[in-house]
Amino acid sequence: MLCCARSIIGQARSPGPGKVRQSALAWVAGRRLFRSRLIPVALPRVVIIGAGFGGLQCARKLAGKPVEVLLLDRNNYHLFTPLLYQVASSLLNPSDIAQPVRKIFRGTTNVHVRLAEVTGVDFRGKFVRTSTGEEIAYDYLVVAAGSTTNFFGLQLAEQTALGLKDLAEALELRNHILRCLEKAVGATGEGEQRRLLTFVIVGGGPTGVEYAGALSELARLVVPKEYPELARRQVRIVLIEAMDEVLPGFPKKLGSAARKELERRAVEVRTGVKVEEVQEGLVRLSNREQIEATTLVWAAGVKPAELASTLSVSHSRTGRIEVDEFLRVKGLESVFAVGDIASVVQDEKEVPMLSAPAMQEARVVAHNVLAVCRATPLRSFRYSDRGSMATIGRNAAVAQLRLLHLDITGFLGWIAWLVVHLYYLIGFRNRIAVLAGWAWNYLRFDRPVRIITRAKS
């Protein structure tokens, strides 16, 4: 009977009438075997696709529990994306905001990590396919593949714009900005120099606002000291937002405060206009304005990862995977979805594609996977919005703290932003490195990571 522990526990995945007591007893027996380690037990396998905020949080909540967890990701690290723009603006090193996934789960016996890119899922056979053709079986599946940049059908923008979604894009953007400064020094014509020193940022959400502020600081702090051939006023930064105000997801007064702070830092803000056409070195807006620029940074929005469109499941209007109140993929009892790829509807609208809801969803999914094994009731999901933050630069940020019913700006908002981001950053070394980088920048008025480099392919 003990040798059949896996099959008994497996029956608990979908308990029918009269089997609840049997499943519960099997859970207790399996848990005792797991703790004692006297007899090897084949535990239910939970495969998690993606080591972002949702996937990582789910794996951490299942660590040490009587399940076998296999975490799949095409990168071997977890990336703290809220600070990605600081890598792109020469303030932080890539290693400061990235943590090897294997290091996170070092010493955790039931969580395993595999470097793999998932290309499809066979829900009937209960296995995932990888780009190498490997098939990995699962008992429970958690899809947390995240999102990718949304170019809204502008093909030339997709080909020419610089993104700010992953580490490779941040490094490419950093190198590009520094090259533009170097080329501008040797530019022979005024027109060429103007194009090299004009930076257009599309998207007035937190990523666009924070990068615009950081780029302004780079121009203000570095250009006068290290590029005496260039004048600070020659550097032009233009932020474009299709909505009527920047930070459209924030209270209006915070968006207005952010705009005023950006404009005080010499960032030109265009709201209520869209990018209609992108050509080589030229951006055309819906108000007929044309901006000549060598640099176009795209931070206008995201869409579900490409994996979502390959799966034979129900999709929302935005292309996200539809889930029920327990975050199970509709029509599939043993498959869950969390984060940007999941369409979680609350109060008649989708939960935003942010890290906070992804982590909250992951905790509920971890609970529900174990609940199915225990044959106990599942927990429904309800997103608790605790607020939003965005920093514009030194001593300036806006923060909405919903739990305290408080909106703060300026220096206090900046301090709150620093504390929250340090708290959620994974790894003690990373926290120290980031804090040191911030302190150096604050005291020395310097952006220290300005090496133009690339890996040889």
Protein backbone atom coordinates (compact mmCIF):
# COMPACT_ATOMS: atom_id res chain seq x y z
CA MET A 1 0.00 0.00 0.00
CA LEU A 2 2.86 2.35 0.83
CA CYS A 3 4.49 1.67 -2.52
CA CYS A 4 1.38 3.00 -4.20
CA ALA A 5 1.58 6.34 -2.45
CA ARG A 6 1.95 8.30 -5.69
CA SER A 7 -1.06 6.69 -7.33
CA ILE A 8 -3.15 7.31 -4.21
CA ILE A 9 -1.99 10.91 -3.97
CA GLY A 10 -2.57 11.27 -7.71
CA GLN A 11 -6.21 10.28 -7.19
CA ALA A 12 -6.55 13.21 -4.84
CA ARG A 13 -6.09 15.60 -7.72
CA SER A 14 -9.71 15.25 -8.76
CA PRO A 15 -11.56 13.78 -5.78
CA GLY A 16 -15.05 12.57 -6.46
CA PRO A 17 -17.89 11.85 -4.03
CA GLY A 18 -16.86 9.31 -1.42
CA LYS A 19 -13.14 9.65 -2.13
CA VAL A 20 -12.39 12.72 -0.03
CA ARG A 21 -11.66 10.71 3.13
CA GLN A 22 -9.50 8.24 1.19
CA SER A 23 -7.58 11.10 -0.46
CA ALA A 24 -7.05 12.88 2.84
CA LEU A 25 -5.66 9.71 4.43
CA ALA A 26 -3.39 9.26 1.43
CA TRP A 27 -2.13 12.82 1.86
CA VAL A 28 -1.24 12.15 5.51
CA ALA A 29 0.48 8.89 4.61
CA GLY A 30 2.42 10.52 1.79
CA ARG A 31 3.45 13.44 4.02
CA ARG A 32 4.75 11.08 6.72
CA LEU A 33 6.74 9.17 4.13
CA PHE A 34 8.13 12.45 2.78
CA ARG A 35 9.23 13.59 6.21
CA SER A 36 10.69 10.29 7.31
CA ARG A 37 12.56 9.65 4.01
CA LEU A 38 12.67 5.97 4.96
CA ILE A 39 10.90 4.96 1.77
CA PRO A 40 11.27 6.93 -1.49
CA VAL A 41 7.95 8.40 -2.59
CA ALA A 42 7.21 9.59 -6.12
CA LEU A 43 5.65 12.95 -5.37
CA PRO A 44 3.29 14.84 -7.69
CA ARG A 45 5.34 16.88 -10.17
CA VAL A 46 4.59 20.59 -10.53
CA VAL A 47 6.15 22.13 -13.63
CA ILE A 48 6.41 25.93 -13.61
CA ILE A 49 7.07 27.76 -16.88
CA GLY A 50 8.95 31.00 -16.22
CA ALA A 51 11.18 32.26 -13.40
CA GLY A 52 9.77 35.78 -13.31
CA PHE A 53 7.96 37.26 -10.33
CA GLY A 54 5.02 34.85 -10.59
CA GLY A 55 6.90 31.65 -11.33
CA LEU A 56 9.60 32.30 -8.77
CA GLN A 57 7.10 33.16 -6.04
CA CYS A 58 5.11 29.99 -6.73
CA ALA A 59 8.25 27.83 -6.58
CA ARG A 60 9.34 29.44 -3.31
CA LYS A 61 5.95 28.79 -1.73
CA LEU A 62 6.14 25.13 -2.79
CA ALA A 63 9.70 24.70 -1.52
CA GLY A 64 9.86 22.10 1.26
CA LYS A 65 6.33 20.88 0.53
CA PRO A 66 5.51 17.26 -0.47
CA VAL A 67 5.60 17.96 -4.21
CA GLU A 68 8.37 17.82 -6.80
CA VAL A 69 8.85 21.22 -8.46
CA LEU A 70 10.57 21.73 -11.81
CA LEU A 71 11.15 25.38 -12.75
CA LEU A 72 11.78 26.03 -16.45
CA ASP A 73 13.15 29.26 -17.93
CA ARG A 74 15.18 30.19 -20.99
CA ASN A 75 17.47 32.30 -18.74
CA ASN A 76 19.36 31.01 -15.73
CA TYR A 77 18.54 34.09 -13.64
CA HIS A 78 15.64 35.95 -12.10
CA LEU A 79 15.53 39.59 -13.22
CA PHE A 80 14.28 42.42 -11.01
CA THR A 81 12.69 44.32 -13.89
CA PRO A 82 11.63 47.47 -11.94
CA LEU A 83 15.30 48.51 -11.86
CA LEU A 84 16.09 47.52 -15.44
CA TYR A 85 16.05 51.15 -16.59
CA GLN A 86 18.92 51.88 -14.17
CA VAL A 87 21.09 49.40 -16.05
CA ALA A 88 20.11 51.12 -19.31
CA SER A 89 20.98 54.54 -17.83
CA SER A 90 24.47 53.54 -16.63
CA LEU A 91 23.75 53.49 -12.89
CA LEU A 92 23.71 49.76 -12.05
CA ASN A 93 25.51 46.66 -13.30
CA PRO A 94 23.42 43.79 -14.73
CA SER A 95 24.49 41.50 -11.87
CA ASP A 96 23.06 44.00 -9.36
CA ILE A 97 19.47 43.26 -10.42
CA ALA A 98 19.78 39.63 -11.51
CA GLN A 99 20.10 36.55 -9.32
CA PRO A 100 20.92 33.01 -10.53
CA VAL A 101 17.83 30.86 -10.06
CA ARG A 102 19.85 27.87 -8.86
CA LYS A 103 21.39 30.03 -6.15
CA ILE A 104 17.94 31.08 -4.93
CA PHE A 105 16.96 27.43 -4.43
CA ARG A 106 20.32 26.21 -3.17
CA GLY A 107 19.68 23.63 -0.45
CA THR A 108 16.01 23.19 -1.39
CA THR A 109 15.66 19.47 -2.09
CA ASN A 110 12.30 19.42 -3.88
CA VAL A 111 12.81 22.35 -6.29
CA HIS A 112 14.79 21.69 -9.46
CA VAL A 113 15.79 24.14 -12.17
CA ARG A 114 16.12 23.52 -15.89
CA LEU A 115 17.38 25.90 -18.58
CA ALA A 116 14.77 25.42 -21.31
CA GLU A 117 12.48 27.38 -23.60
CA VAL A 118 8.96 25.98 -23.68
CA THR A 119 7.38 26.04 -27.14
CA GLY A 120 4.13 24.15 -26.52
CA VAL A 121 2.02 22.07 -24.17
CA ASP A 122 0.13 18.81 -24.74
CA PHE A 123 -2.71 19.06 -22.22
CA ARG A 124 -4.08 15.61 -23.04
CA GLY A 125 -0.73 13.86 -22.62
CA LYS A 126 0.25 16.22 -19.76
CA PHE A 127 3.70 17.22 -20.95
CA VAL A 128 5.44 20.37 -22.19
CA ARG A 129 7.65 20.62 -25.27
CA THR A 130 10.89 22.57 -25.34
CA SER A 131 12.81 24.14 -28.21
CA THR A 132 15.19 21.16 -28.22
CA GLY A 133 12.31 18.72 -28.75
CA GLU A 134 12.37 17.41 -25.19
CA GLU A 135 9.04 16.43 -23.62
CA ILE A 136 8.67 17.04 -19.88
CA ALA A 137 5.77 15.37 -18.06
CA TYR A 138 3.78 17.10 -15.34
CA ASP A 139 1.01 16.37 -12.87
CA TYR A 140 0.29 20.06 -12.39
CA LEU A 141 1.36 22.89 -14.64
CA VAL A 142 1.78 26.58 -13.80
CA VAL A 143 2.13 28.87 -16.82
CA ALA A 144 4.00 32.01 -15.78
CA ALA A 145 5.78 32.91 -19.02
CA GLY A 146 5.28 36.66 -18.60
CA SER A 147 4.98 39.20 -21.39
CA THR A 148 6.80 40.86 -24.26
CA THR A 149 6.88 44.35 -25.78
CA ASN A 150 3.77 45.46 -27.66
CA PHE A 151 4.50 47.58 -30.76
CA PHE A 152 0.81 47.89 -31.68
CA GLY A 153 1.36 46.80 -35.27
CA LEU A 154 4.09 49.34 -36.13
CA GLN A 155 6.48 47.00 -37.91
CA LEU A 156 9.26 49.51 -38.53
CA ALA A 157 9.15 50.52 -34.86
CA GLU A 158 9.57 46.86 -33.94
CA GLN A 159 12.61 46.66 -36.22
CA THR A 160 14.31 49.92 -35.24
CA ALA A 161 13.18 50.84 -31.72
CA LEU A 162 15.14 49.91 -28.63
CA GLY A 163 13.17 48.02 -25.99
CA LEU A 164 13.46 47.95 -22.22
CA LYS A 165 11.99 44.57 -21.35
CA ASP A 166 14.94 42.29 -20.59
CA LEU A 167 18.60 42.44 -19.65
CA ALA A 168 19.92 42.15 -23.21
CA GLU A 169 17.76 45.09 -24.32
CA ALA A 170 18.90 47.21 -21.36
CA LEU A 171 22.56 46.58 -22.19
CA GLU A 172 21.95 47.31 -25.86
CA LEU A 173 20.22 50.57 -24.95
CA ARG A 174 23.04 51.60 -22.60
CA ASN A 175 25.65 50.95 -25.28
CA HIS A 176 23.58 52.81 -27.87
CA ILE A 177 23.18 55.95 -25.72
CA LEU A 178 26.89 56.07 -24.94
CA ARG A 179 27.77 55.59 -28.61
CA CYS A 180 25.45 58.45 -29.55
CA LEU A 181 27.32 60.74 -27.17
CA GLU A 182 30.67 59.64 -28.58
CA LYS A 183 29.52 60.08 -32.18
CA ALA A 184 28.02 63.47 -31.43
CA VAL A 185 31.46 64.73 -30.35
CA GLY A 186 32.85 63.98 -33.80
CA ALA A 187 29.75 64.87 -35.82
CA THR A 188 30.59 67.18 -38.73
CA GLY A 189 27.16 68.68 -39.34
CA GLU A 190 24.77 70.41 -36.97
CA GLY A 191 21.85 68.31 -38.22
CA GLU A 192 23.66 65.04 -37.59
CA GLN A 193 24.65 66.13 -34.10
CA ARG A 194 21.08 67.17 -33.32
CA ARG A 195 19.73 63.77 -34.39
CA LEU A 196 22.35 61.95 -32.32
CA LEU A 197 21.45 63.95 -29.22
CA THR A 198 17.66 63.63 -29.58
CA PHE A 199 16.15 60.74 -27.63
CA VAL A 200 12.48 59.87 -28.14
CA ILE A 201 10.79 57.69 -25.49
CA VAL A 202 7.39 56.25 -26.36
CA GLY A 203 5.19 55.39 -23.37
CA GLY A 204 4.43 57.53 -20.34
CA GLY A 205 3.90 54.69 -17.88
CA PRO A 206 6.31 54.01 -14.99
CA THR A 207 9.02 52.58 -17.27
CA GLY A 208 8.96 55.51 -19.68
CA VAL A 209 8.78 58.15 -16.94
CA GLU A 210 11.57 56.58 -14.90
CA TYR A 211 13.85 56.14 -17.90
CA ALA A 212 13.22 59.70 -19.12
CA GLY A 213 14.16 61.02 -15.68
CA ALA A 214 17.26 58.82 -15.51
CA LEU A 215 18.38 59.82 -19.00
CA SER A 216 17.93 63.47 -18.05
CA GLU A 217 20.20 62.96 -15.04
CA LEU A 218 22.78 61.23 -17.22
CA ALA A 219 22.78 64.22 -19.57
CA ARG A 220 22.87 66.74 -16.73
CA LEU A 221 25.54 65.04 -14.60
CA VAL A 222 27.84 63.40 -17.13
CA VAL A 223 27.73 65.43 -20.35
CA PRO A 224 29.06 68.73 -18.92
CA LYS A 225 31.95 66.99 -17.12
CA GLU A 226 33.09 64.41 -19.65
CA TYR A 227 31.88 65.79 -22.98
CA PRO A 228 33.01 69.43 -22.93
CA GLU A 229 32.50 69.59 -26.68
CA LEU A 230 28.76 69.21 -26.11
CA ALA A 231 26.39 71.57 -24.34
CA ARG A 232 23.74 70.23 -21.96
CA ARG A 233 21.04 72.13 -23.81
CA GLN A 234 21.90 70.22 -27.00
CA VAL A 235 20.58 66.99 -25.45
CA ARG A 236 16.87 66.71 -26.19
CA ILE A 237 14.63 64.14 -24.48
CA VAL A 238 11.03 63.76 -25.69
CA LEU A 239 8.49 61.61 -23.83
CA ILE A 240 5.35 60.63 -25.77
CA GLU A 241 2.16 59.31 -24.14
CA ALA A 242 -1.09 58.54 -25.97
CA MET A 243 -3.25 59.23 -22.91
CA ASP A 244 -3.99 62.73 -21.61
CA GLU A 245 -1.50 62.45 -18.76
CA VAL A 246 1.67 60.56 -17.92
CA LEU A 247 1.32 57.67 -15.45
CA PRO A 248 -2.30 57.07 -16.53
CA GLY A 249 -2.77 54.31 -13.95
CA PHE A 250 -1.99 56.70 -11.09
CA PRO A 251 -4.25 59.35 -9.51
CA LYS A 252 -4.39 62.42 -11.75
CA LYS A 253 -2.61 64.68 -9.27
CA LEU A 254 0.35 62.30 -9.14
CA GLY A 255 0.52 62.19 -12.93
CA SER A 256 0.48 65.99 -13.03
CA ALA A 257 3.22 66.16 -10.39
CA ALA A 258 5.36 63.71 -12.39
CA ARG A 259 4.91 65.74 -15.56
CA LYS A 260 5.91 68.99 -13.85
CA GLU A 261 9.02 67.34 -12.42
CA LEU A 262 10.00 65.92 -15.81
CA GLU A 263 9.56 69.28 -17.50
CA ARG A 264 11.61 70.93 -14.74
CA ARG A 265 14.37 68.49 -15.69
CA ALA A 266 14.19 69.58 -19.35
CA VAL A 267 12.18 66.59 -20.60
CA GLU A 268 9.69 67.55 -23.32
CA VAL A 269 6.39 65.79 -22.56
CA ARG A 270 3.84 65.15 -25.31
CA THR A 271 0.49 63.76 -24.12
CA GLY A 272 -2.66 62.93 -26.05
CA VAL A 273 -0.66 62.02 -29.17
CA LYS A 274 0.30 58.70 -30.73
CA VAL A 275 3.18 57.52 -32.86
CA GLU A 276 1.71 57.09 -36.34
CA GLU A 277 4.79 56.30 -38.36
CA VAL A 278 8.42 55.45 -37.79
CA GLN A 279 11.10 55.86 -40.41
CA GLU A 280 14.86 55.65 -40.21
CA GLY A 281 15.80 58.65 -38.05
CA LEU A 282 12.28 60.11 -38.05
CA VAL A 283 9.20 59.77 -35.82
CA ARG A 284 5.82 61.12 -36.98
CA LEU A 285 3.13 61.84 -34.39
CA SER A 286 -0.65 61.99 -34.72
CA ASN A 287 -0.54 65.79 -34.26
CA ARG A 288 1.61 65.99 -37.43
CA GLU A 289 4.76 66.79 -35.49
CA GLN A 290 7.93 65.23 -36.87
CA ILE A 291 10.93 64.53 -34.66
CA GLU A 292 14.32 63.74 -36.15
CA ALA A 293 16.11 61.35 -33.84
CA THR A 294 18.63 58.54 -33.98
CA THR A 295 17.21 56.97 -30.82
CA LEU A 296 13.68 55.63 -30.33
CA VAL A 297 13.03 53.87 -27.01
CA TRP A 298 9.80 51.85 -26.87
CA ALA A 299 8.16 51.59 -23.44
CA ALA A 300 4.57 51.92 -24.63
CA GLY A 301 3.12 48.65 -23.44
CA VAL A 302 3.33 44.90 -23.17
CA LYS A 303 1.41 41.88 -24.44
CA PRO A 304 1.34 38.24 -23.31
CA ALA A 305 4.36 36.11 -24.13
CA GLU A 306 4.25 34.35 -27.49
CA LEU A 307 3.65 31.02 -25.74
CA ALA A 308 0.09 32.13 -24.91
CA SER A 309 -0.96 32.22 -28.57
CA THR A 310 0.36 28.69 -29.19
CA LEU A 311 -1.77 27.08 -26.49
CA SER A 312 -5.20 25.63 -27.34
CA VAL A 313 -7.04 27.41 -24.53
CA SER A 314 -9.49 30.28 -24.18
CA HIS A 315 -7.98 33.73 -24.66
CA SER A 316 -9.23 37.16 -23.65
CA ARG A 317 -9.53 40.09 -26.03
CA THR A 318 -5.99 41.11 -25.05
CA GLY A 319 -4.59 37.66 -25.86
CA ARG A 320 -4.10 36.59 -22.26
CA ILE A 321 -5.07 33.09 -21.05
CA GLU A 322 -8.48 33.03 -19.40
CA VAL A 323 -8.59 31.55 -15.90
CA ASP A 324 -11.31 30.85 -13.35
CA GLU A 325 -11.58 32.24 -9.82
CA PHE A 326 -9.03 29.69 -8.59
CA LEU A 327 -6.56 30.70 -11.37
CA ARG A 328 -7.03 27.39 -13.20
CA VAL A 329 -6.96 27.66 -16.97
CA LYS A 330 -10.55 27.39 -18.09
CA GLY A 331 -11.43 23.81 -18.98
CA LEU A 332 -8.27 22.33 -17.43
CA GLU A 333 -8.30 21.09 -13.83
CA SER A 334 -4.55 20.65 -13.38
CA VAL A 335 -3.24 23.71 -15.26
CA PHE A 336 -2.88 27.16 -13.68
CA ALA A 337 -1.75 30.51 -15.10
CA VAL A 338 -0.36 33.54 -13.27
CA GLY A 339 1.12 36.94 -14.03
CA ASP A 340 1.09 38.88 -17.29
CA ILE A 341 0.04 35.84 -19.32
CA ALA A 342 -3.13 35.23 -17.27
CA SER A 343 -6.40 37.10 -17.80
CA VAL A 344 -7.68 37.62 -14.27
CA VAL A 345 -10.93 39.58 -14.33
CA GLN A 346 -11.85 41.57 -11.25
CA ASP A 347 -14.52 44.26 -11.02
CA GLU A 348 -15.23 43.73 -14.74
CA LYS A 349 -11.68 44.53 -15.89
CA GLU A 350 -8.42 42.65 -16.18
CA VAL A 351 -5.92 42.81 -13.37
CA PRO A 352 -2.94 44.91 -14.61
CA MET A 353 0.23 43.32 -15.95
CA LEU A 354 2.45 44.18 -12.98
CA SER A 355 4.73 42.30 -10.61
CA ALA A 356 2.52 42.77 -7.53
CA PRO A 357 -0.54 40.89 -8.86
CA ALA A 358 1.74 38.21 -10.33
CA MET A 359 3.21 37.45 -6.90
CA GLN A 360 -0.19 37.49 -5.20
CA GLU A 361 -1.57 35.11 -7.84
CA ALA A 362 1.43 32.81 -7.43
CA ARG A 363 0.85 32.45 -3.71
CA VAL A 364 -2.78 31.47 -4.30
CA VAL A 365 -1.78 28.95 -6.98
CA ALA A 366 0.80 27.34 -4.67
CA HIS A 367 -1.90 27.03 -2.01
CA ASN A 368 -4.38 25.55 -4.49
CA VAL A 369 -1.96 22.95 -5.85
CA LEU A 370 -1.42 21.69 -2.31
CA ALA A 371 -5.16 21.96 -1.60
CA VAL A 372 -5.93 19.65 -4.52
CA CYS A 373 -3.44 17.14 -3.13
CA ARG A 374 -5.02 17.37 0.31
CA ALA A 375 -8.55 17.28 -1.07
CA THR A 376 -9.29 20.52 0.77
CA PRO A 377 -11.19 23.53 -0.60
CA LEU A 378 -9.41 25.76 -3.08
CA ARG A 379 -8.87 29.45 -2.41
CA SER A 380 -10.32 31.99 -4.82
CA PHE A 381 -8.15 34.90 -5.89
CA ARG A 382 -8.77 38.55 -5.12
CA TYR A 383 -6.16 41.12 -6.05
CA SER A 384 -5.27 43.57 -3.29
CA ASP A 385 -3.92 46.74 -4.86
CA ARG A 386 -1.49 48.19 -2.34
CA GLY A 387 -0.45 51.12 -4.49
CA SER A 388 1.98 52.22 -7.17
CA MET A 389 5.26 54.09 -7.33
CA ALA A 390 7.44 55.80 -9.90
CA THR A 391 10.62 57.79 -9.50
CA ILE A 392 11.62 60.70 -11.71
CA GLY A 393 15.14 61.02 -10.33
CA ARG A 394 17.10 62.40 -7.44
CA ASN A 395 14.80 63.43 -4.56
CA ALA A 396 11.71 63.12 -6.76
CA ALA A 397 9.11 60.36 -6.96
CA VAL A 398 5.37 59.84 -6.77
CA ALA A 399 3.76 57.11 -4.67
CA GLN A 400 0.21 55.98 -4.06
CA LEU A 401 -0.04 54.02 -0.80
CA ARG A 402 -3.54 52.56 -0.88
CA LEU A 403 -3.29 50.82 2.48
CA LEU A 404 -2.58 54.15 4.15
CA HIS A 405 -4.89 56.11 1.83
CA LEU A 406 -1.94 58.36 1.13
CA ASP A 407 -0.45 59.98 -1.98
CA ILE A 408 3.06 61.39 -1.60
CA THR A 409 5.45 63.19 -3.93
CA GLY A 410 8.92 64.69 -3.87
CA PHE A 411 11.58 63.62 -1.37
CA LEU A 412 9.25 61.51 0.81
CA GLY A 413 7.98 59.67 -2.24
CA TRP A 414 11.56 59.08 -3.33
CA ILE A 415 12.53 57.63 0.07
CA ALA A 416 9.47 55.35 0.00
CA TRP A 417 10.42 54.20 -3.51
CA LEU A 418 13.98 53.39 -2.39
CA VAL A 419 12.86 51.39 0.64
CA VAL A 420 10.23 49.35 -1.22
CA HIS A 421 12.54 48.44 -4.10
CA LEU A 422 15.37 47.44 -1.80
CA TYR A 423 12.97 45.27 0.21
CA TYR A 424 11.72 43.32 -2.82
CA LEU A 425 15.13 42.94 -4.45
CA ILE A 426 16.27 39.32 -4.13
CA GLY A 427 19.63 38.57 -2.53
CA PHE A 428 21.60 40.33 0.21
CA ARG A 429 24.58 41.01 -2.08
CA ASN A 430 22.30 42.60 -4.64
CA ARG A 431 20.74 44.87 -2.01
CA ILE A 432 24.17 46.02 -0.85
CA ALA A 433 25.39 46.56 -4.43
CA VAL A 434 22.30 48.55 -5.41
CA LEU A 435 22.42 50.63 -2.23
CA ALA A 436 26.11 51.37 -2.85
CA GLY A 437 25.38 52.40 -6.45
CA TRP A 438 22.59 54.70 -5.34
CA ALA A 439 24.75 56.23 -2.61
CA TRP A 440 27.64 56.82 -5.02
CA ASN A 441 25.34 58.50 -7.51
CA TYR A 442 23.71 60.62 -4.82
CA LEU A 443 26.95 61.82 -3.22
CA ARG A 444 29.19 62.03 -6.27
CA PHE A 445 26.63 63.09 -8.90
CA ASP A 446 27.94 60.32 -11.13
CA ARG A 447 26.65 57.41 -13.20
CA PRO A 448 29.53 54.95 -12.77
CA VAL A 449 28.74 52.14 -15.26
CA ARG A 450 29.65 53.68 -18.62
CA ILE A 451 31.59 50.99 -20.43
CA ILE A 452 30.60 50.29 -24.02
CA THR A 453 30.94 46.53 -24.35
CA ARG A 454 29.28 43.49 -25.83
CA ALA A 455 29.71 39.73 -25.64
CA LYS A 456 31.38 38.13 -28.65
CA SER A 457 28.90 35.85 -30.42
